[in-house]
Amino acid sequence: MKSPVVKRSIVVAGHKTSVSLEEAFWNGMKEISGLRNMTLSELVGEIDGARQQGNLSSAIRLFVLDYFKSRAMAVQPDKVPAQ
């Protein structure tokens, strides 16, 4: 059985690093970087520079989740977010 987590190498700020993410998060990152006219490396560098704590994989997951959550809320502005 194939692992749902995919490990890929990526260059961030001139340094090669490995990031392990589920395929859905890789696909989300590709979509976001395409919409922003950025490379995947540039987007990951932006996320890496903005993270306060935790590892890079977690920061990417939270970024992708927040991005698509914000898009969903923009489509349904009358919905109140659950807390």
PDB file of N, CA and C in Angstrom:
ATOM      1  N   MET A   1       0.837  -1.191   0.000  1.00  0.00           N
ATOM      2  CA  MET A   1       0.000   0.000   0.000  1.00  0.00           C
ATOM      3  C   MET A   1       0.876   1.246   0.000  1.00  0.00           C
ATOM      4  N   LYS A   2       0.524   2.198  -0.829  1.00  0.00           N
ATOM      5  CA  LYS A   2       1.291   3.433  -0.969  1.00  0.00           C
ATOM      6  C   LYS A   2       1.004   4.379   0.201  1.00  0.00           C
ATOM      7  N   SER A   3       2.048   5.008   0.721  1.00  0.00           N
ATOM      8  CA  SER A   3       1.898   5.944   1.832  1.00  0.00           C
ATOM      9  C   SER A   3       1.181   7.205   1.369  1.00  0.00           C
ATOM     10  N   PRO A   4       0.252   7.709   2.186  1.00  0.00           N
ATOM     11  CA  PRO A   4      -0.438   8.938   1.800  1.00  0.00           C
ATOM     12  C   PRO A   4       0.453  10.177   1.914  1.00  0.00           C
ATOM     13  N   VAL A   5       1.586  10.044   2.586  1.00  0.00           N
ATOM     14  CA  VAL A   5       2.511  11.166   2.746  1.00  0.00           C
ATOM     15  C   VAL A   5       3.608  11.045   1.692  1.00  0.00           C
ATOM     16  N   VAL A   6       3.833  12.157   0.991  1.00  0.00           N
ATOM     17  CA  VAL A   6       4.837  12.194  -0.073  1.00  0.00           C
ATOM     18  C   VAL A   6       5.956  13.144   0.354  1.00  0.00           C
ATOM     19  N   LYS A   7       7.181  12.641   0.293  1.00  0.00           N
ATOM     20  CA  LYS A   7       8.348  13.448   0.658  1.00  0.00           C
ATOM     21  C   LYS A   7       8.983  13.981  -0.619  1.00  0.00           C
ATOM     22  N   ARG A   8       9.161  15.302  -0.678  1.00  0.00           N
ATOM     23  CA  ARG A   8       9.769  15.932  -1.854  1.00  0.00           C
ATOM     24  C   ARG A   8      10.867  16.887  -1.404  1.00  0.00           C
ATOM     25  N   SER A   9      11.854  17.044  -2.255  1.00  0.00           N
ATOM     26  CA  SER A   9      12.914  18.018  -2.012  1.00  0.00           C
ATOM     27  C   SER A   9      12.519  19.322  -2.670  1.00  0.00           C
ATOM     28  N   ILE A  10      12.830  20.406  -1.986  1.00  0.00           N
ATOM     29  CA  ILE A  10      12.506  21.732  -2.504  1.00  0.00           C
ATOM     30  C   ILE A  10      13.590  22.701  -2.047  1.00  0.00           C
ATOM     31  N   VAL A  11      13.867  23.693  -2.860  1.00  0.00           N
ATOM     32  CA  VAL A  11      14.858  24.707  -2.509  1.00  0.00           C
ATOM     33  C   VAL A  11      14.133  25.890  -1.882  1.00  0.00           C
ATOM     34  N   VAL A  12      14.533  26.215  -0.655  1.00  0.00           N
ATOM     35  CA  VAL A  12      13.938  27.328   0.084  1.00  0.00           C
ATOM     36  C   VAL A  12      15.065  28.283   0.467  1.00  0.00           C
ATOM     37  N   ALA A  13      14.977  29.504  -0.004  1.00  0.00           N
ATOM     38  CA  ALA A  13      15.992  30.527   0.279  1.00  0.00           C
ATOM     39  C   ALA A  13      17.400  30.018  -0.052  1.00  0.00           C
ATOM     40  N   GLY A  14      17.523  29.319  -1.175  1.00  0.00           N
ATOM     41  CA  GLY A  14      18.823  28.844  -1.623  1.00  0.00           C
ATOM     42  C   GLY A  14      19.310  27.556  -0.979  1.00  0.00           C
ATOM     43  N   HIS A  15      18.520  26.976  -0.096  1.00  0.00           N
ATOM     44  CA  HIS A  15      18.905  25.742   0.590  1.00  0.00           C
ATOM     45  C   HIS A  15      17.928  24.625   0.256  1.00  0.00           C
ATOM     46  N   LYS A  16      18.464  23.470  -0.063  1.00  0.00           N
ATOM     47  CA  LYS A  16      17.622  22.319  -0.383  1.00  0.00           C
ATOM     48  C   LYS A  16      17.140  21.672   0.915  1.00  0.00           C
ATOM     49  N   THR A  17      15.855  21.399   0.983  1.00  0.00           N
ATOM     50  CA  THR A  17      15.275  20.753   2.154  1.00  0.00           C
ATOM     51  C   THR A  17      14.218  19.750   1.700  1.00  0.00           C
ATOM     52  N   SER A  18      13.877  18.838   2.560  1.00  0.00           N
ATOM     53  CA  SER A  18      12.838  17.856   2.271  1.00  0.00           C
ATOM     54  C   SER A  18      11.585  18.201   3.059  1.00  0.00           C
ATOM     55  N   VAL A  19      10.449  18.070   2.398  1.00  0.00           N
ATOM     56  CA  VAL A  19       9.155  18.351   3.029  1.00  0.00           C
ATOM     57  C   VAL A  19       8.251  17.156   2.791  1.00  0.00           C
ATOM     58  N   SER A  20       7.620  16.675   3.849  1.00  0.00           N
ATOM     59  CA  SER A  20       6.688  15.550   3.766  1.00  0.00           C
ATOM     60  C   SER A  20       5.267  16.059   3.944  1.00  0.00           C
ATOM     61  N   LEU A  21       4.451  15.869   2.912  1.00  0.00           N
ATOM     62  CA  LEU A  21       3.051  16.309   2.928  1.00  0.00           C
ATOM     63  C   LEU A  21       2.189  15.281   2.219  1.00  0.00           C
ATOM     64  N   GLU A  22       0.925  15.262   2.568  1.00  0.00           N
ATOM     65  CA  GLU A  22      -0.038  14.459   1.845  1.00  0.00           C
ATOM     66  C   GLU A  22      -0.205  15.049   0.441  1.00  0.00           C
ATOM     67  N   GLU A  23      -0.532  14.194  -0.519  1.00  0.00           N
ATOM     68  CA  GLU A  23      -0.658  14.631  -1.913  1.00  0.00           C
ATOM     69  C   GLU A  23      -1.648  15.790  -2.069  1.00  0.00           C
ATOM     70  N   ALA A  24      -2.732  15.782  -1.290  1.00  0.00           N
ATOM     71  CA  ALA A  24      -3.728  16.856  -1.375  1.00  0.00           C
ATOM     72  C   ALA A  24      -3.111  18.215  -1.028  1.00  0.00           C
ATOM     73  N   PHE A  25      -2.183  18.239  -0.070  1.00  0.00           N
ATOM     74  CA  PHE A  25      -1.532  19.503   0.282  1.00  0.00           C
ATOM     75  C   PHE A  25      -0.548  19.934  -0.798  1.00  0.00           C
ATOM     76  N   TRP A  26       0.157  18.981  -1.408  1.00  0.00           N
ATOM     77  CA  TRP A  26       1.024  19.333  -2.539  1.00  0.00           C
ATOM     78  C   TRP A  26       0.196  19.924  -3.673  1.00  0.00           C
ATOM     79  N   ASN A  27      -0.945  19.311  -3.955  1.00  0.00           N
ATOM     80  CA  ASN A  27      -1.815  19.830  -5.019  1.00  0.00           C
ATOM     81  C   ASN A  27      -2.338  21.213  -4.676  1.00  0.00           C
ATOM     82  N   GLY A  28      -2.699  21.432  -3.420  1.00  0.00           N
ATOM     83  CA  GLY A  28      -3.149  22.756  -2.987  1.00  0.00           C
ATOM     84  C   GLY A  28      -2.061  23.800  -3.141  1.00  0.00           C
ATOM     85  N   MET A  29      -0.829  23.424  -2.780  1.00  0.00           N
ATOM     86  CA  MET A  29       0.301  24.352  -2.917  1.00  0.00           C
ATOM     87  C   MET A  29       0.533  24.715  -4.385  1.00  0.00           C
ATOM     88  N   LYS A  30       0.446  23.725  -5.260  1.00  0.00           N
ATOM     89  CA  LYS A  30       0.636  23.988  -6.691  1.00  0.00           C
ATOM     90  C   LYS A  30      -0.439  24.934  -7.212  1.00  0.00           C
ATOM     91  N   GLU A  31      -1.674  24.723  -6.775  1.00  0.00           N
ATOM     92  CA  GLU A  31      -2.770  25.599  -7.202  1.00  0.00           C
ATOM     93  C   GLU A  31      -2.556  27.029  -6.714  1.00  0.00           C
ATOM     94  N   ILE A  32      -2.211  27.179  -5.449  1.00  0.00           N
ATOM     95  CA  ILE A  32      -2.000  28.512  -4.871  1.00  0.00           C
ATOM     96  C   ILE A  32      -0.833  29.214  -5.555  1.00  0.00           C
ATOM     97  N   SER A  33       0.286  28.505  -5.733  1.00  0.00           N
ATOM     98  CA  SER A  33       1.446  29.151  -6.368  1.00  0.00           C
ATOM     99  C   SER A  33       1.132  29.550  -7.808  1.00  0.00           C
ATOM    100  N   GLY A  34       0.351  28.736  -8.503  1.00  0.00           N
ATOM    101  CA  GLY A  34      -0.045  29.085  -9.866  1.00  0.00           C
ATOM    102  C   GLY A  34      -0.917  30.323  -9.906  1.00  0.00           C
ATOM    103  N   LEU A  35      -1.869  30.412  -8.976  1.00  0.00           N
ATOM    104  CA  LEU A  35      -2.751  31.581  -8.921  1.00  0.00           C
ATOM    105  C   LEU A  35      -1.989  32.855  -8.567  1.00  0.00           C
ATOM    106  N   ARG A  36      -0.915  32.706  -7.807  1.00  0.00           N
ATOM    107  CA  ARG A  36      -0.100  33.857  -7.402  1.00  0.00           C
ATOM    108  C   ARG A  36       1.063  34.122  -8.358  1.00  0.00           C
ATOM    109  N   ASN A  37       1.145  33.339  -9.425  1.00  0.00           N
ATOM    110  CA  ASN A  37       2.254  33.465 -10.381  1.00  0.00           C
ATOM    111  C   ASN A  37       3.610  33.378  -9.688  1.00  0.00           C
ATOM    112  N   MET A  38       3.733  32.394  -8.805  1.00  0.00           N
ATOM    113  CA  MET A  38       4.973  32.154  -8.059  1.00  0.00           C
ATOM    114  C   MET A  38       5.406  30.720  -8.304  1.00  0.00           C
ATOM    115  N   THR A  39       6.673  30.464  -8.084  1.00  0.00           N
ATOM    116  CA  THR A  39       7.120  29.076  -8.088  1.00  0.00           C
ATOM    117  C   THR A  39       6.747  28.458  -6.747  1.00  0.00           C
ATOM    118  N   LEU A  40       6.733  27.145  -6.710  1.00  0.00           N
ATOM    119  CA  LEU A  40       6.464  26.433  -5.464  1.00  0.00           C
ATOM    120  C   LEU A  40       7.523  26.791  -4.424  1.00  0.00           C
ATOM    121  N   SER A  41       8.775  26.912  -4.857  1.00  0.00           N
ATOM    122  CA  SER A  41       9.864  27.282  -3.944  1.00  0.00           C
ATOM    123  C   SER A  41       9.656  28.669  -3.352  1.00  0.00           C
ATOM    124  N   GLU A  42       9.194  29.610  -4.159  1.00  0.00           N
ATOM    125  CA  GLU A  42       8.939  30.965  -3.652  1.00  0.00           C
ATOM    126  C   GLU A  42       7.823  30.959  -2.608  1.00  0.00           C
ATOM    127  N   LEU A  43       6.766  30.208  -2.879  1.00  0.00           N
ATOM    128  CA  LEU A  43       5.654  30.139  -1.939  1.00  0.00           C
ATOM    129  C   LEU A  43       6.080  29.486  -0.634  1.00  0.00           C
ATOM    130  N   VAL A  44       6.819  28.402  -0.724  1.00  0.00           N
ATOM    131  CA  VAL A  44       7.297  27.734   0.495  1.00  0.00           C
ATOM    132  C   VAL A  44       8.242  28.658   1.261  1.00  0.00           C
ATOM    133  N   GLY A  45       9.056  29.421   0.555  1.00  0.00           N
ATOM    134  CA  GLY A  45       9.938  30.387   1.211  1.00  0.00           C
ATOM    135  C   GLY A  45       9.157  31.451   1.955  1.00  0.00           C
ATOM    136  N   GLU A  46       8.052  31.893   1.364  1.00  0.00           N
ATOM    137  CA  GLU A  46       7.185  32.880   2.021  1.00  0.00           C
ATOM    138  C   GLU A  46       6.570  32.292   3.296  1.00  0.00           C
ATOM    139  N   ILE A  47       6.094  31.075   3.201  1.00  0.00           N
ATOM    140  CA  ILE A  47       5.501  30.397   4.366  1.00  0.00           C
ATOM    141  C   ILE A  47       6.557  30.187   5.444  1.00  0.00           C
ATOM    142  N   ASP A  48       7.733  29.755   5.035  1.00  0.00           N
ATOM    143  CA  ASP A  48       8.825  29.509   5.976  1.00  0.00           C
ATOM    144  C   ASP A  48       9.213  30.788   6.709  1.00  0.00           C
ATOM    145  N   GLY A  49       9.273  31.895   5.990  1.00  0.00           N
ATOM    146  CA  GLY A  49       9.646  33.164   6.610  1.00  0.00           C
ATOM    147  C   GLY A  49       8.598  33.711   7.563  1.00  0.00           C
ATOM    148  N   ALA A  50       7.347  33.339   7.358  1.00  0.00           N
ATOM    149  CA  ALA A  50       6.256  33.865   8.194  1.00  0.00           C
ATOM    150  C   ALA A  50       5.920  32.984   9.391  1.00  0.00           C
ATOM    151  N   ARG A  51       6.421  31.765   9.408  1.00  0.00           N
ATOM    152  CA  ARG A  51       6.012  30.858  10.502  1.00  0.00           C
ATOM    153  C   ARG A  51       6.628  31.283  11.827  1.00  0.00           C
ATOM    154  N   GLN A  52       5.836  31.140  12.866  1.00  0.00           N
ATOM    155  CA  GLN A  52       6.254  31.540  14.198  1.00  0.00           C
ATOM    156  C   GLN A  52       6.932  30.380  14.944  1.00  0.00           C
ATOM    157  N   GLN A  53       6.424  29.180  14.724  1.00  0.00           N
ATOM    158  CA  GLN A  53       6.965  28.008  15.414  1.00  0.00           C
ATOM    159  C   GLN A  53       6.551  26.758  14.664  1.00  0.00           C
ATOM    160  N   GLY A  54       6.971  25.634  15.138  1.00  0.00           N
ATOM    161  CA  GLY A  54       6.602  24.377  14.502  1.00  0.00           C
ATOM    162  C   GLY A  54       7.471  24.080  13.300  1.00  0.00           C
ATOM    163  N   ASN A  55       7.227  22.917  12.705  1.00  0.00           N
ATOM    164  CA  ASN A  55       8.041  22.537  11.561  1.00  0.00           C
ATOM    165  C   ASN A  55       7.422  23.045  10.261  1.00  0.00           C
ATOM    166  N   LEU A  56       8.198  22.988   9.207  1.00  0.00           N
ATOM    167  CA  LEU A  56       7.781  23.543   7.923  1.00  0.00           C
ATOM    168  C   LEU A  56       6.568  22.810   7.360  1.00  0.00           C
ATOM    169  N   SER A  57       6.539  21.490   7.467  1.00  0.00           N
ATOM    170  CA  SER A  57       5.393  20.730   6.950  1.00  0.00           C
ATOM    171  C   SER A  57       4.087  21.169   7.621  1.00  0.00           C
ATOM    172  N   SER A  58       4.123  21.357   8.922  1.00  0.00           N
ATOM    173  CA  SER A  58       2.925  21.809   9.647  1.00  0.00           C
ATOM    174  C   SER A  58       2.526  23.214   9.216  1.00  0.00           C
ATOM    175  N   ALA A  59       3.513  24.085   9.050  1.00  0.00           N
ATOM    176  CA  ALA A  59       3.236  25.458   8.613  1.00  0.00           C
ATOM    177  C   ALA A  59       2.581  25.468   7.236  1.00  0.00           C
ATOM    178  N   ILE A  60       3.042  24.598   6.346  1.00  0.00           N
ATOM    179  CA  ILE A  60       2.452  24.518   5.004  1.00  0.00           C
ATOM    180  C   ILE A  60       1.018  24.021   5.082  1.00  0.00           C
ATOM    181  N   ARG A  61       0.774  22.980   5.884  1.00  0.00           N
ATOM    182  CA  ARG A  61      -0.594  22.466   6.030  1.00  0.00           C
ATOM    183  C   ARG A  61      -1.539  23.551   6.538  1.00  0.00           C
ATOM    184  N   LEU A  62      -1.097  24.290   7.550  1.00  0.00           N
ATOM    185  CA  LEU A  62      -1.935  25.360   8.103  1.00  0.00           C
ATOM    186  C   LEU A  62      -2.168  26.470   7.080  1.00  0.00           C
ATOM    187  N   PHE A  63      -1.150  26.801   6.306  1.00  0.00           N
ATOM    188  CA  PHE A  63      -1.282  27.826   5.268  1.00  0.00           C
ATOM    189  C   PHE A  63      -2.311  27.417   4.229  1.00  0.00           C
ATOM    190  N   VAL A  64      -2.196  26.176   3.725  1.00  0.00           N
ATOM    191  CA  VAL A  64      -3.124  25.686   2.703  1.00  0.00           C
ATOM    192  C   VAL A  64      -4.540  25.626   3.258  1.00  0.00           C
ATOM    193  N   LEU A  65      -4.688  25.125   4.473  1.00  0.00           N
ATOM    194  CA  LEU A  65      -6.011  25.072   5.105  1.00  0.00           C
ATOM    195  C   LEU A  65      -6.617  26.468   5.223  1.00  0.00           C
ATOM    196  N   ASP A  66      -5.836  27.420   5.700  1.00  0.00           N
ATOM    197  CA  ASP A  66      -6.323  28.793   5.867  1.00  0.00           C
ATOM    198  C   ASP A  66      -6.686  29.422   4.521  1.00  0.00           C
ATOM    199  N   TYR A  67      -5.874  29.166   3.502  1.00  0.00           N
ATOM    200  CA  TYR A  67      -6.131  29.724   2.173  1.00  0.00           C
ATOM    201  C   TYR A  67      -7.488  29.259   1.641  1.00  0.00           C
ATOM    202  N   PHE A  68      -7.708  27.950   1.668  1.00  0.00           N
ATOM    203  CA  PHE A  68      -8.957  27.428   1.115  1.00  0.00           C
ATOM    204  C   PHE A  68     -10.153  27.717   2.019  1.00  0.00           C
ATOM    205  N   LYS A  69      -9.923  27.803   3.310  1.00  0.00           N
ATOM    206  CA  LYS A  69     -10.998  28.194   4.238  1.00  0.00           C
ATOM    207  C   LYS A  69     -11.417  29.635   3.954  1.00  0.00           C
ATOM    208  N   SER A  70     -10.459  30.517   3.743  1.00  0.00           N
ATOM    209  CA  SER A  70     -10.758  31.918   3.425  1.00  0.00           C
ATOM    210  C   SER A  70     -11.513  32.032   2.103  1.00  0.00           C
ATOM    211  N   ARG A  71     -11.118  31.232   1.124  1.00  0.00           N
ATOM    212  CA  ARG A  71     -11.830  31.240  -0.166  1.00  0.00           C
ATOM    213  C   ARG A  71     -13.262  30.763  -0.002  1.00  0.00           C
ATOM    214  N   ALA A  72     -13.462  29.742   0.802  1.00  0.00           N
ATOM    215  CA  ALA A  72     -14.810  29.223   1.029  1.00  0.00           C
ATOM    216  C   ALA A  72     -15.671  30.259   1.742  1.00  0.00           C
ATOM    217  N   MET A  73     -15.085  30.978   2.680  1.00  0.00           N
ATOM    218  CA  MET A  73     -15.825  32.013   3.415  1.00  0.00           C
ATOM    219  C   MET A  73     -16.183  33.182   2.493  1.00  0.00           C
ATOM    220  N   ALA A  74     -15.332  33.474   1.522  1.00  0.00           N
ATOM    221  CA  ALA A  74     -15.612  34.562   0.578  1.00  0.00           C
ATOM    222  C   ALA A  74     -16.808  34.219  -0.302  1.00  0.00           C
ATOM    223  N   VAL A  75     -16.993  32.940  -0.575  1.00  0.00           N
ATOM    224  CA  VAL A  75     -18.119  32.495  -1.389  1.00  0.00           C
ATOM    225  C   VAL A  75     -19.407  32.502  -0.576  1.00  0.00           C
ATOM    226  N   GLN A  76     -19.287  32.266   0.742  1.00  0.00           N
ATOM    227  CA  GLN A  76     -20.439  32.216   1.639  1.00  0.00           C
ATOM    228  C   GLN A  76     -20.233  33.224   2.782  1.00  0.00           C
ATOM    229  N   PRO A  77     -20.281  34.524   2.493  1.00  0.00           N
ATOM    230  CA  PRO A  77     -19.961  35.523   3.529  1.00  0.00           C
ATOM    231  C   PRO A  77     -20.963  35.583   4.670  1.00  0.00           C
ATOM    232  N   ASP A  78     -22.174  35.056   4.501  1.00  0.00           N
ATOM    233  CA  ASP A  78     -23.164  35.130   5.562  1.00  0.00           C
ATOM    234  C   ASP A  78     -22.983  34.017   6.610  1.00  0.00           C
ATOM    235  N   LYS A  79     -22.073  33.098   6.380  1.00  0.00           N
ATOM    236  CA  LYS A  79     -21.808  32.006   7.336  1.00  0.00           C
ATOM    237  C   LYS A  79     -20.896  32.526   8.438  1.00  0.00           C
ATOM    238  N   VAL A  80     -21.218  32.173   9.659  1.00  0.00           N
ATOM    239  CA  VAL A  80     -20.381  32.552  10.810  1.00  0.00           C
ATOM    240  C   VAL A  80     -19.458  31.388  11.114  1.00  0.00           C
ATOM    241  N   PRO A  81     -18.132  31.660  11.204  1.00  0.00           N
ATOM    242  CA  PRO A  81     -17.202  30.556  11.472  1.00  0.00           C
ATOM    243  C   PRO A  81     -17.401  29.970  12.868  1.00  0.00           C
ATOM    244  N   ALA A  82     -17.313  28.658  12.973  1.00  0.00           N
ATOM    245  CA  ALA A  82     -17.435  27.970  14.266  1.00  0.00           C
ATOM    246  C   ALA A  82     -16.145  28.159  15.043  1.00  0.00           C
ATOM    247  N   GLN A  83     -16.274  28.274  16.356  1.00  0.00           N
ATOM    248  CA  GLN A  83     -15.082  28.462  17.187  1.00  0.00           C
ATOM    249  C   GLN A  83     -14.995  27.425  18.245  1.00  0.00           C
TER     250      GLN A  83
END
